[in-house]
Amino acid sequence: ARRERWHRVAASAAEQSGRSVVPEVRHVGTLSESISALGPP
């Protein structure tokens, strides 16, 4: 429910600001997991 709420907040902000793209809000992860998902610099 909280993750869905985050998505709705992003969607609502896109609606109000004129954007036609809703940003991706990813699942919570550790710093190491998030760095790994980025790949090498």
PDB file of all heavy atoms in Angstrom:
ATOM      1  N   ALA A   1       0.829  -1.208   0.000  1.00  0.00           N
ATOM      2  CA  ALA A   1       0.000   0.000   0.000  1.00  0.00           C
ATOM      3  C   ALA A   1       0.864   1.259   0.000  1.00  0.00           C
ATOM      4  O   ALA A   1       0.553   2.250  -0.671  1.00  0.00           O
ATOM      5  CB  ALA A   1      -0.928   0.006   1.213  1.00  0.00           C
ATOM      6  N   ARG A   2       1.964   1.218   0.755  1.00  0.00           N
ATOM      7  CA  ARG A   2       2.864   2.372   0.794  1.00  0.00           C
ATOM      8  C   ARG A   2       3.556   2.568  -0.550  1.00  0.00           C
ATOM      9  O   ARG A   2       3.678   3.698  -1.053  1.00  0.00           O
ATOM     10  CB  ARG A   2       3.899   2.187   1.908  1.00  0.00           C
ATOM     11  CG  ARG A   2       5.003   3.247   1.949  1.00  0.00           C
ATOM     12  CD  ARG A   2       4.450   4.629   2.209  1.00  0.00           C
ATOM     13  NE  ARG A   2       3.886   4.748   3.540  1.00  0.00           N
ATOM     14  CZ  ARG A   2       3.334   5.857   4.014  1.00  0.00           C
ATOM     15  NH1 ARG A   2       3.267   6.928   3.258  1.00  0.00           N
ATOM     16  NH2 ARG A   2       2.820   5.889   5.221  1.00  0.00           N
ATOM     17  N   ARG A   3       4.011   1.495  -1.176  1.00  0.00           N
ATOM     18  CA  ARG A   3       4.653   1.611  -2.485  1.00  0.00           C
ATOM     19  C   ARG A   3       3.665   2.156  -3.522  1.00  0.00           C
ATOM     20  O   ARG A   3       4.029   2.974  -4.373  1.00  0.00           O
ATOM     21  CB  ARG A   3       5.218   0.264  -2.929  1.00  0.00           C
ATOM     22  CG  ARG A   3       6.483  -0.154  -2.177  1.00  0.00           C
ATOM     23  CD  ARG A   3       7.170  -1.319  -2.852  1.00  0.00           C
ATOM     24  NE  ARG A   3       6.396  -2.540  -2.720  1.00  0.00           N
ATOM     25  CZ  ARG A   3       6.562  -3.425  -1.744  1.00  0.00           C
ATOM     26  NH1 ARG A   3       7.479  -3.211  -0.808  1.00  0.00           N
ATOM     27  NH2 ARG A   3       5.825  -4.513  -1.691  1.00  0.00           N
ATOM     28  N   GLU A   4       2.416   1.679  -3.444  1.00  0.00           N
ATOM     29  CA  GLU A   4       1.402   2.180  -4.351  1.00  0.00           C
ATOM     30  C   GLU A   4       1.136   3.657  -4.095  1.00  0.00           C
ATOM     31  O   GLU A   4       0.907   4.440  -5.029  1.00  0.00           O
ATOM     32  CB  GLU A   4       0.107   1.380  -4.191  1.00  0.00           C
ATOM     33  CG  GLU A   4      -1.059   1.868  -5.043  1.00  0.00           C
ATOM     34  CD  GLU A   4      -0.776   1.874  -6.533  1.00  0.00           C
ATOM     35  OE1 GLU A   4       0.061   1.053  -6.990  1.00  0.00           O
ATOM     36  OE2 GLU A   4      -1.391   2.692  -7.237  1.00  0.00           O
ATOM     37  N   ARG A   5       1.179   4.054  -2.829  1.00  0.00           N
ATOM     38  CA  ARG A   5       0.996   5.467  -2.474  1.00  0.00           C
ATOM     39  C   ARG A   5       2.116   6.303  -3.091  1.00  0.00           C
ATOM     40  O   ARG A   5       1.860   7.392  -3.634  1.00  0.00           O
ATOM     41  CB  ARG A   5       0.988   5.612  -0.951  1.00  0.00           C
ATOM     42  CG  ARG A   5       1.071   7.042  -0.426  1.00  0.00           C
ATOM     43  CD  ARG A   5      -0.164   7.843  -0.707  1.00  0.00           C
ATOM     44  NE  ARG A   5      -0.014   9.215  -0.238  1.00  0.00           N
ATOM     45  CZ  ARG A   5      -0.848  10.195  -0.528  1.00  0.00           C
ATOM     46  NH1 ARG A   5      -1.915   9.963  -1.276  1.00  0.00           N
ATOM     47  NH2 ARG A   5      -0.640  11.408  -0.074  1.00  0.00           N
ATOM     48  N   TRP A   6       3.356   5.834  -3.024  1.00  0.00           N
ATOM     49  CA  TRP A   6       4.477   6.557  -3.623  1.00  0.00           C
ATOM     50  C   TRP A   6       4.248   6.749  -5.123  1.00  0.00           C
ATOM     51  O   TRP A   6       4.511   7.815  -5.673  1.00  0.00           O
ATOM     52  CB  TRP A   6       5.780   5.813  -3.373  1.00  0.00           C
ATOM     53  CG  TRP A   6       6.261   5.888  -1.948  1.00  0.00           C
ATOM     54  CD1 TRP A   6       5.759   6.664  -0.948  1.00  0.00           C
ATOM     55  CD2 TRP A   6       7.342   5.158  -1.376  1.00  0.00           C
ATOM     56  NE1 TRP A   6       6.461   6.468   0.214  1.00  0.00           N
ATOM     57  CE2 TRP A   6       7.435   5.556  -0.009  1.00  0.00           C
ATOM     58  CE3 TRP A   6       8.244   4.215  -1.866  1.00  0.00           C
ATOM     59  CZ2 TRP A   6       8.404   5.027   0.852  1.00  0.00           C
ATOM     60  CZ3 TRP A   6       9.206   3.693  -1.004  1.00  0.00           C
ATOM     61  CH2 TRP A   6       9.281   4.099   0.340  1.00  0.00           C
ATOM     62  N   HIS A   7       3.765   5.690  -5.785  1.00  0.00           N
ATOM     63  CA  HIS A   7       3.510   5.799  -7.222  1.00  0.00           C
ATOM     64  C   HIS A   7       2.416   6.826  -7.494  1.00  0.00           C
ATOM     65  O   HIS A   7       2.522   7.629  -8.432  1.00  0.00           O
ATOM     66  CB  HIS A   7       3.097   4.443  -7.794  1.00  0.00           C
ATOM     67  CG  HIS A   7       2.655   4.524  -9.232  1.00  0.00           C
ATOM     68  ND1 HIS A   7       3.546   4.678 -10.287  1.00  0.00           N
ATOM     69  CD2 HIS A   7       1.408   4.512  -9.790  1.00  0.00           C
ATOM     70  CE1 HIS A   7       2.866   4.747 -11.428  1.00  0.00           C
ATOM     71  NE2 HIS A   7       1.585   4.645 -11.150  1.00  0.00           N
ATOM     72  N   ARG A   8       1.365   6.839  -6.691  1.00  0.00           N
ATOM     73  CA  ARG A   8       0.283   7.801  -6.892  1.00  0.00           C
ATOM     74  C   ARG A   8       0.766   9.232  -6.681  1.00  0.00           C
ATOM     75  O   ARG A   8       0.327  10.157  -7.373  1.00  0.00           O
ATOM     76  CB  ARG A   8      -0.890   7.499  -5.955  1.00  0.00           C
ATOM     77  CG  ARG A   8      -1.641   6.226  -6.306  1.00  0.00           C
ATOM     78  CD  ARG A   8      -3.058   6.235  -5.704  1.00  0.00           C
ATOM     79  NE  ARG A   8      -3.056   6.451  -4.269  1.00  0.00           N
ATOM     80  CZ  ARG A   8      -2.997   5.494  -3.367  1.00  0.00           C
ATOM     81  NH1 ARG A   8      -2.884   4.228  -3.751  1.00  0.00           N
ATOM     82  NH2 ARG A   8      -3.030   5.774  -2.076  1.00  0.00           N
ATOM     83  N   VAL A   9       1.663   9.413  -5.701  1.00  0.00           N
ATOM     84  CA  VAL A   9       2.226  10.751  -5.466  1.00  0.00           C
ATOM     85  C   VAL A   9       2.989  11.223  -6.698  1.00  0.00           C
ATOM     86  O   VAL A   9       2.851  12.372  -7.144  1.00  0.00           O
ATOM     87  CB  VAL A   9       3.141  10.743  -4.227  1.00  0.00           C
ATOM     88  CG1 VAL A   9       3.960  12.028  -4.147  1.00  0.00           C
ATOM     89  CG2 VAL A   9       2.321  10.571  -2.952  1.00  0.00           C
ATOM     90  N   ALA A  10       3.795  10.323  -7.287  1.00  0.00           N
ATOM     91  CA  ALA A  10       4.548  10.672  -8.490  1.00  0.00           C
ATOM     92  C   ALA A  10       3.613  10.961  -9.653  1.00  0.00           C
ATOM     93  O   ALA A  10       3.805  11.924 -10.412  1.00  0.00           O
ATOM     94  CB  ALA A  10       5.517   9.548  -8.849  1.00  0.00           C
ATOM     95  N   ALA A  11       2.571  10.134  -9.807  1.00  0.00           N
ATOM     96  CA  ALA A  11       1.619  10.334 -10.899  1.00  0.00           C
ATOM     97  C   ALA A  11       0.887  11.659 -10.755  1.00  0.00           C
ATOM     98  O   ALA A  11       0.702  12.397 -11.731  1.00  0.00           O
ATOM     99  CB  ALA A  11       0.629   9.171 -10.944  1.00  0.00           C
ATOM    100  N   SER A  12       0.461  11.968  -9.526  1.00  0.00           N
ATOM    101  CA  SER A  12      -0.250  13.220  -9.279  1.00  0.00           C
ATOM    102  C   SER A  12       0.644  14.422  -9.564  1.00  0.00           C
ATOM    103  O   SER A  12       0.199  15.419 -10.144  1.00  0.00           O
ATOM    104  CB  SER A  12      -0.750  13.258  -7.834  1.00  0.00           C
ATOM    105  OG  SER A  12      -1.386  14.482  -7.553  1.00  0.00           O
ATOM    106  N   ALA A  13       1.910  14.329  -9.171  1.00  0.00           N
ATOM    107  CA  ALA A  13       2.845  15.428  -9.425  1.00  0.00           C
ATOM    108  C   ALA A  13       3.077  15.606 -10.921  1.00  0.00           C
ATOM    109  O   ALA A  13       3.214  16.734 -11.408  1.00  0.00           O
ATOM    110  CB  ALA A  13       4.167  15.167  -8.711  1.00  0.00           C
ATOM    111  N   ALA A  14       3.116  14.497 -11.668  1.00  0.00           N
ATOM    112  CA  ALA A  14       3.263  14.596 -13.122  1.00  0.00           C
ATOM    113  C   ALA A  14       2.032  15.257 -13.737  1.00  0.00           C
ATOM    114  O   ALA A  14       2.141  16.092 -14.640  1.00  0.00           O
ATOM    115  CB  ALA A  14       3.476  13.207 -13.721  1.00  0.00           C
ATOM    116  N   GLU A  15       0.847  14.887 -13.240  1.00  0.00           N
ATOM    117  CA  GLU A  15      -0.387  15.492 -13.745  1.00  0.00           C
ATOM    118  C   GLU A  15      -0.381  17.004 -13.534  1.00  0.00           C
ATOM    119  O   GLU A  15      -0.727  17.777 -14.425  1.00  0.00           O
ATOM    120  CB  GLU A  15      -1.589  14.869 -13.032  1.00  0.00           C
ATOM    121  CG  GLU A  15      -1.835  13.412 -13.387  1.00  0.00           C
ATOM    122  CD  GLU A  15      -2.856  12.731 -12.480  1.00  0.00           C
ATOM    123  OE1 GLU A  15      -3.320  13.384 -11.508  1.00  0.00           O
ATOM    124  OE2 GLU A  15      -3.181  11.566 -12.732  1.00  0.00           O
ATOM    125  N   GLN A  16       0.018  17.432 -12.337  1.00  0.00           N
ATOM    126  CA  GLN A  16      -0.030  18.849 -11.993  1.00  0.00           C
ATOM    127  C   GLN A  16       1.049  19.661 -12.696  1.00  0.00           C
ATOM    128  O   GLN A  16       0.844  20.836 -13.013  1.00  0.00           O
ATOM    129  CB  GLN A  16       0.106  19.017 -10.471  1.00  0.00           C
ATOM    130  CG  GLN A  16      -1.056  18.448  -9.680  1.00  0.00           C
ATOM    131  CD  GLN A  16      -2.356  19.184  -9.922  1.00  0.00           C
ATOM    132  OE1 GLN A  16      -2.359  20.399 -10.053  1.00  0.00           O
ATOM    133  NE2 GLN A  16      -3.451  18.456 -10.012  1.00  0.00           N
ATOM    134  N   SER A  17       2.206  19.048 -12.938  1.00  0.00           N
ATOM    135  CA  SER A  17       3.341  19.789 -13.491  1.00  0.00           C
ATOM    136  C   SER A  17       3.367  19.806 -15.012  1.00  0.00           C
ATOM    137  O   SER A  17       4.209  20.496 -15.605  1.00  0.00           O
ATOM    138  CB  SER A  17       4.659  19.203 -12.964  1.00  0.00           C
ATOM    139  OG  SER A  17       4.829  17.858 -13.404  1.00  0.00           O
ATOM    140  N   GLY A  18       2.485  19.039 -15.659  1.00  0.00           N
ATOM    141  CA  GLY A  18       2.456  19.021 -17.114  1.00  0.00           C
ATOM    142  C   GLY A  18       3.332  17.964 -17.751  1.00  0.00           C
ATOM    143  O   GLY A  18       3.422  17.894 -18.981  1.00  0.00           O
ATOM    144  N   ARG A  19       3.968  17.133 -16.944  1.00  0.00           N
ATOM    145  CA  ARG A  19       4.794  16.062 -17.515  1.00  0.00           C
ATOM    146  C   ARG A  19       3.905  14.952 -18.072  1.00  0.00           C
ATOM    147  O   ARG A  19       2.829  14.676 -17.521  1.00  0.00           O
ATOM    148  CB  ARG A  19       5.729  15.460 -16.451  1.00  0.00           C
ATOM    149  CG  ARG A  19       6.818  16.385 -15.987  1.00  0.00           C
ATOM    150  CD  ARG A  19       7.762  15.669 -15.019  1.00  0.00           C
ATOM    151  NE  ARG A  19       8.528  14.623 -15.676  1.00  0.00           N
ATOM    152  CZ  ARG A  19       9.400  13.829 -15.054  1.00  0.00           C
ATOM    153  NH1 ARG A  19       9.584  13.953 -13.751  1.00  0.00           N
ATOM    154  NH2 ARG A  19      10.072  12.913 -15.726  1.00  0.00           N
ATOM    155  N   SER A  20       4.363  14.299 -19.105  1.00  0.00           N
ATOM    156  CA  SER A  20       3.631  13.159 -19.656  1.00  0.00           C
ATOM    157  C   SER A  20       4.323  11.845 -19.332  1.00  0.00           C
ATOM    158  O   SER A  20       4.005  10.806 -19.896  1.00  0.00           O
ATOM    159  CB  SER A  20       3.463  13.304 -21.170  1.00  0.00           C
ATOM    160  OG  SER A  20       4.716  13.446 -21.811  1.00  0.00           O
ATOM    161  N   VAL A  21       5.286  11.912 -18.427  1.00  0.00           N
ATOM    162  CA  VAL A  21       6.009  10.731 -17.955  1.00  0.00           C
ATOM    163  C   VAL A  21       5.954  10.705 -16.439  1.00  0.00           C
ATOM    164  O   VAL A  21       6.217  11.728 -15.790  1.00  0.00           O
ATOM    165  CB  VAL A  21       7.480  10.731 -18.420  1.00  0.00           C
ATOM    166  CG1 VAL A  21       8.264   9.600 -17.767  1.00  0.00           C
ATOM    167  CG2 VAL A  21       7.557  10.608 -19.938  1.00  0.00           C
ATOM    168  N   VAL A  22       5.630   9.557 -15.870  1.00  0.00           N
ATOM    169  CA  VAL A  22       5.672   9.381 -14.414  1.00  0.00           C
ATOM    170  C   VAL A  22       7.001   8.719 -14.075  1.00  0.00           C
ATOM    171  O   VAL A  22       7.332   7.671 -14.630  1.00  0.00           O
ATOM    172  CB  VAL A  22       4.513   8.493 -13.921  1.00  0.00           C
ATOM    173  CG1 VAL A  22       4.618   8.249 -12.416  1.00  0.00           C
ATOM    174  CG2 VAL A  22       3.178   9.145 -14.252  1.00  0.00           C
ATOM    175  N   PRO A  23       7.806   9.321 -13.202  1.00  0.00           N
ATOM    176  CA  PRO A  23       9.095   8.713 -12.875  1.00  0.00           C
ATOM    177  C   PRO A  23       8.950   7.333 -12.252  1.00  0.00           C
ATOM    178  O   PRO A  23       7.941   7.033 -11.605  1.00  0.00           O
ATOM    179  CB  PRO A  23       9.736   9.698 -11.883  1.00  0.00           C
ATOM    180  CG  PRO A  23       8.671  10.644 -11.493  1.00  0.00           C
ATOM    181  CD  PRO A  23       7.573  10.573 -12.479  1.00  0.00           C
ATOM    182  N   GLU A  24       9.951   6.515 -12.470  1.00  0.00           N
ATOM    183  CA  GLU A  24       9.983   5.176 -11.873  1.00  0.00           C
ATOM    184  C   GLU A  24      10.413   5.287 -10.421  1.00  0.00           C
ATOM    185  O   GLU A  24      11.464   5.861 -10.127  1.00  0.00           O
ATOM    186  CB  GLU A  24      10.970   4.295 -12.638  1.00  0.00           C
ATOM    187  CG  GLU A  24      11.165   2.917 -12.037  1.00  0.00           C
ATOM    188  CD  GLU A  24      12.288   2.126 -12.676  1.00  0.00           C
ATOM    189  OE1 GLU A  24      12.934   2.648 -13.619  1.00  0.00           O
ATOM    190  OE2 GLU A  24      12.539   0.984 -12.233  1.00  0.00           O
ATOM    191  N   VAL A  25       9.607   4.768  -9.508  1.00  0.00           N
ATOM    192  CA  VAL A  25       9.977   4.716  -8.092  1.00  0.00           C
ATOM    193  C   VAL A  25      10.306   3.257  -7.777  1.00  0.00           C
ATOM    194  O   VAL A  25       9.421   2.405  -7.756  1.00  0.00           O
ATOM    195  CB  VAL A  25       8.846   5.222  -7.181  1.00  0.00           C
ATOM    196  CG1 VAL A  25       9.300   5.201  -5.714  1.00  0.00           C
ATOM    197  CG2 VAL A  25       8.425   6.637  -7.575  1.00  0.00           C
ATOM    198  N   ARG A  26      11.567   2.982  -7.555  1.00  0.00           N
ATOM    199  CA  ARG A  26      12.017   1.613  -7.388  1.00  0.00           C
ATOM    200  C   ARG A  26      11.793   1.096  -5.974  1.00  0.00           C
ATOM    201  O   ARG A  26      11.490   1.855  -5.052  1.00  0.00           O
ATOM    202  CB  ARG A  26      13.506   1.514  -7.755  1.00  0.00           C
ATOM    203  CG  ARG A  26      13.766   1.785  -9.233  1.00  0.00           C
ATOM    204  CD  ARG A  26      15.220   1.638  -9.614  1.00  0.00           C
ATOM    205  NE  ARG A  26      15.384   1.765 -11.063  1.00  0.00           N
ATOM    206  CZ  ARG A  26      16.562   1.797 -11.681  1.00  0.00           C
ATOM    207  NH1 ARG A  26      17.701   1.722 -10.967  1.00  0.00           N
ATOM    208  NH2 ARG A  26      16.621   1.902 -12.998  1.00  0.00           N
ATOM    209  N   HIS A  27      11.953  -0.205  -5.802  1.00  0.00           N
ATOM    210  CA  HIS A  27      11.835  -0.812  -4.488  1.00  0.00           C
ATOM    211  C   HIS A  27      13.018  -0.385  -3.613  1.00  0.00           C
ATOM    212  O   HIS A  27      14.107  -0.079  -4.115  1.00  0.00           O
ATOM    213  CB  HIS A  27      11.810  -2.335  -4.601  1.00  0.00           C
ATOM    214  CG  HIS A  27      10.508  -2.876  -5.116  1.00  0.00           C
ATOM    215  ND1 HIS A  27       9.457  -3.197  -4.288  1.00  0.00           N
ATOM    216  CD2 HIS A  27      10.071  -3.127  -6.376  1.00  0.00           C
ATOM    217  CE1 HIS A  27       8.435  -3.631  -4.999  1.00  0.00           C
ATOM    218  NE2 HIS A  27       8.784  -3.595  -6.281  1.00  0.00           N
ATOM    219  N   VAL A  28      12.789  -0.373  -2.313  1.00  0.00           N
ATOM    220  CA  VAL A  28      13.851  -0.029  -1.371  1.00  0.00           C
ATOM    221  C   VAL A  28      14.933  -1.090  -1.419  1.00  0.00           C
ATOM    222  O   VAL A  28      14.654  -2.289  -1.462  1.00  0.00           O
ATOM    223  CB  VAL A  28      13.287   0.077   0.060  1.00  0.00           C
ATOM    224  CG1 VAL A  28      14.404   0.348   1.054  1.00  0.00           C
ATOM    225  CG2 VAL A  28      12.224   1.170   0.133  1.00  0.00           C
ATOM    226  N   GLY A  29      16.197  -0.645  -1.447  1.00  0.00           N
ATOM    227  CA  GLY A  29      17.320  -1.581  -1.462  1.00  0.00           C
ATOM    228  C   GLY A  29      18.466  -1.055  -0.636  1.00  0.00           C
ATOM    229  O   GLY A  29      18.497   0.123  -0.254  1.00  0.00           O
ATOM    230  N   THR A  30      19.414  -1.907  -0.325  1.00  0.00           N
ATOM    231  CA  THR A  30      20.611  -1.466   0.382  1.00  0.00           C
ATOM    232  C   THR A  30      21.480  -0.652  -0.575  1.00  0.00           C
ATOM    233  O   THR A  30      21.279  -0.667  -1.797  1.00  0.00           O
ATOM    234  CB  THR A  30      21.422  -2.661   0.893  1.00  0.00           C
ATOM    235  OG1 THR A  30      21.908  -3.408  -0.242  1.00  0.00           O
ATOM    236  CG2 THR A  30      20.565  -3.566   1.774  1.00  0.00           C
ATOM    237  N   LEU A  31      22.441   0.040  -0.022  1.00  0.00           N
ATOM    238  CA  LEU A  31      23.340   0.829  -0.857  1.00  0.00           C
ATOM    239  C   LEU A  31      24.098  -0.072  -1.824  1.00  0.00           C
ATOM    240  O   LEU A  31      24.226   0.246  -3.016  1.00  0.00           O
ATOM    241  CB  LEU A  31      24.316   1.622   0.017  1.00  0.00           C
ATOM    242  CG  LEU A  31      25.343   2.490  -0.731  1.00  0.00           C
ATOM    243  CD1 LEU A  31      24.648   3.464  -1.683  1.00  0.00           C
ATOM    244  CD2 LEU A  31      26.226   3.247   0.265  1.00  0.00           C
ATOM    245  N   SER A  32      24.579  -1.202  -1.346  1.00  0.00           N
ATOM    246  CA  SER A  32      25.326  -2.127  -2.214  1.00  0.00           C
ATOM    247  C   SER A  32      24.444  -2.640  -3.349  1.00  0.00           C
ATOM    248  O   SER A  32      24.890  -2.740  -4.496  1.00  0.00           O
ATOM    249  CB  SER A  32      25.875  -3.296  -1.396  1.00  0.00           C
ATOM    250  OG  SER A  32      26.831  -2.841  -0.456  1.00  0.00           O
ATOM    251  N   GLU A  33      23.191  -2.981  -3.034  1.00  0.00           N
ATOM    252  CA  GLU A  33      22.268  -3.464  -4.061  1.00  0.00           C
ATOM    253  C   GLU A  33      22.002  -2.383  -5.106  1.00  0.00           C
ATOM    254  O   GLU A  33      21.970  -2.661  -6.314  1.00  0.00           O
ATOM    255  CB  GLU A  33      20.952  -3.902  -3.419  1.00  0.00           C
ATOM    256  CG  GLU A  33      21.048  -5.170  -2.589  1.00  0.00           C
ATOM    257  CD  GLU A  33      19.804  -5.438  -1.761  1.00  0.00           C
ATOM    258  OE1 GLU A  33      18.994  -4.495  -1.569  1.00  0.00           O
ATOM    259  OE2 GLU A  33      19.639  -6.580  -1.304  1.00  0.00           O
ATOM    260  N   SER A  34      21.815  -1.163  -4.649  1.00  0.00           N
ATOM    261  CA  SER A  34      21.522  -0.064  -5.565  1.00  0.00           C
ATOM    262  C   SER A  34      22.717   0.260  -6.448  1.00  0.00           C
ATOM    263  O   SER A  34      22.563   0.565  -7.640  1.00  0.00           O
ATOM    264  CB  SER A  34      21.098   1.176  -4.771  1.00  0.00           C
ATOM    265  OG  SER A  34      19.942   0.894  -3.999  1.00  0.00           O
ATOM    266  N   ILE A  35      23.914   0.201  -5.866  1.00  0.00           N
ATOM    267  CA  ILE A  35      25.124   0.430  -6.648  1.00  0.00           C
ATOM    268  C   ILE A  35      25.285  -0.666  -7.699  1.00  0.00           C
ATOM    269  O   ILE A  35      25.628  -0.411  -8.857  1.00  0.00           O
ATOM    270  CB  ILE A  35      26.360   0.469  -5.730  1.00  0.00           C
ATOM    271  CG1 ILE A  35      26.329   1.714  -4.833  1.00  0.00           C
ATOM    272  CG2 ILE A  35      27.642   0.434  -6.550  1.00  0.00           C
ATOM    273  CD1 ILE A  35      26.441   3.022  -5.554  1.00  0.00           C
ATOM    274  N   SER A  36      25.028  -1.894  -7.298  1.00  0.00           N
ATOM    275  CA  SER A  36      25.143  -3.016  -8.229  1.00  0.00           C
ATOM    276  C   SER A  36      24.189  -2.854  -9.400  1.00  0.00           C
ATOM    277  O   SER A  36      24.527  -3.164 -10.553  1.00  0.00           O
ATOM    278  CB  SER A  36      24.869  -4.333  -7.495  1.00  0.00           C
ATOM    279  OG  SER A  36      24.931  -5.436  -8.381  1.00  0.00           O
ATOM    280  N   ALA A  37      22.983  -2.357  -9.127  1.00  0.00           N
ATOM    281  CA  ALA A  37      21.990  -2.167 -10.191  1.00  0.00           C
ATOM    282  C   ALA A  37      22.422  -1.102 -11.196  1.00  0.00           C
ATOM    283  O   ALA A  37      22.015  -1.140 -12.361  1.00  0.00           O
ATOM    284  CB  ALA A  37      20.641  -1.788  -9.582  1.00  0.00           C
ATOM    285  N   LEU A  38      23.268  -0.162 -10.750  1.00  0.00           N
ATOM    286  CA  LEU A  38      23.747   0.873 -11.658  1.00  0.00           C
ATOM    287  C   LEU A  38      24.731   0.324 -12.680  1.00  0.00           C
ATOM    288  O   LEU A  38      24.834   0.839 -13.799  1.00  0.00           O
ATOM    289  CB  LEU A  38      24.441   1.994 -10.872  1.00  0.00           C
ATOM    290  CG  LEU A  38      23.590   2.924 -10.026  1.00  0.00           C
ATOM    291  CD1 LEU A  38      24.492   3.919  -9.304  1.00  0.00           C
ATOM    292  CD2 LEU A  38      22.557   3.650 -10.873  1.00  0.00           C
ATOM    293  N   GLY A  39      25.473  -0.696 -12.288  1.00  0.00           N
ATOM    294  CA  GLY A  39      26.516  -1.202 -13.161  1.00  0.00           C
ATOM    295  C   GLY A  39      27.799  -0.405 -12.984  1.00  0.00           C
ATOM    296  O   GLY A  39      27.855   0.553 -12.201  1.00  0.00           O
ATOM    297  N   PRO A  40      28.858  -0.769 -13.699  1.00  0.00           N
ATOM    298  CA  PRO A  40      30.135  -0.065 -13.554  1.00  0.00           C
ATOM    299  C   PRO A  40      30.043   1.372 -14.050  1.00  0.00           C
ATOM    300  O   PRO A  40      29.252   1.674 -14.954  1.00  0.00           O
ATOM    301  CB  PRO A  40      31.096  -0.897 -14.418  1.00  0.00           C
ATOM    302  CG  PRO A  40      30.213  -1.598 -15.398  1.00  0.00           C
ATOM    303  CD  PRO A  40      28.932  -1.865 -14.673  1.00  0.00           C
ATOM    304  N   PRO A  41      30.829   2.270 -13.453  1.00  0.00           N
ATOM    305  CA  PRO A  41      30.801   3.666 -13.899  1.00  0.00           C
ATOM    306  C   PRO A  41      31.330   3.801 -15.319  1.00  0.00           C
ATOM    307  O   PRO A  41      32.201   3.045 -15.745  1.00  0.00           O
ATOM    308  CB  PRO A  41      31.706   4.383 -12.887  1.00  0.00           C
ATOM    309  CG  PRO A  41      32.596   3.311 -12.347  1.00  0.00           C
ATOM    310  CD  PRO A  41      31.781   2.058 -12.352  1.00  0.00           C
TER     311      PRO A  41
END
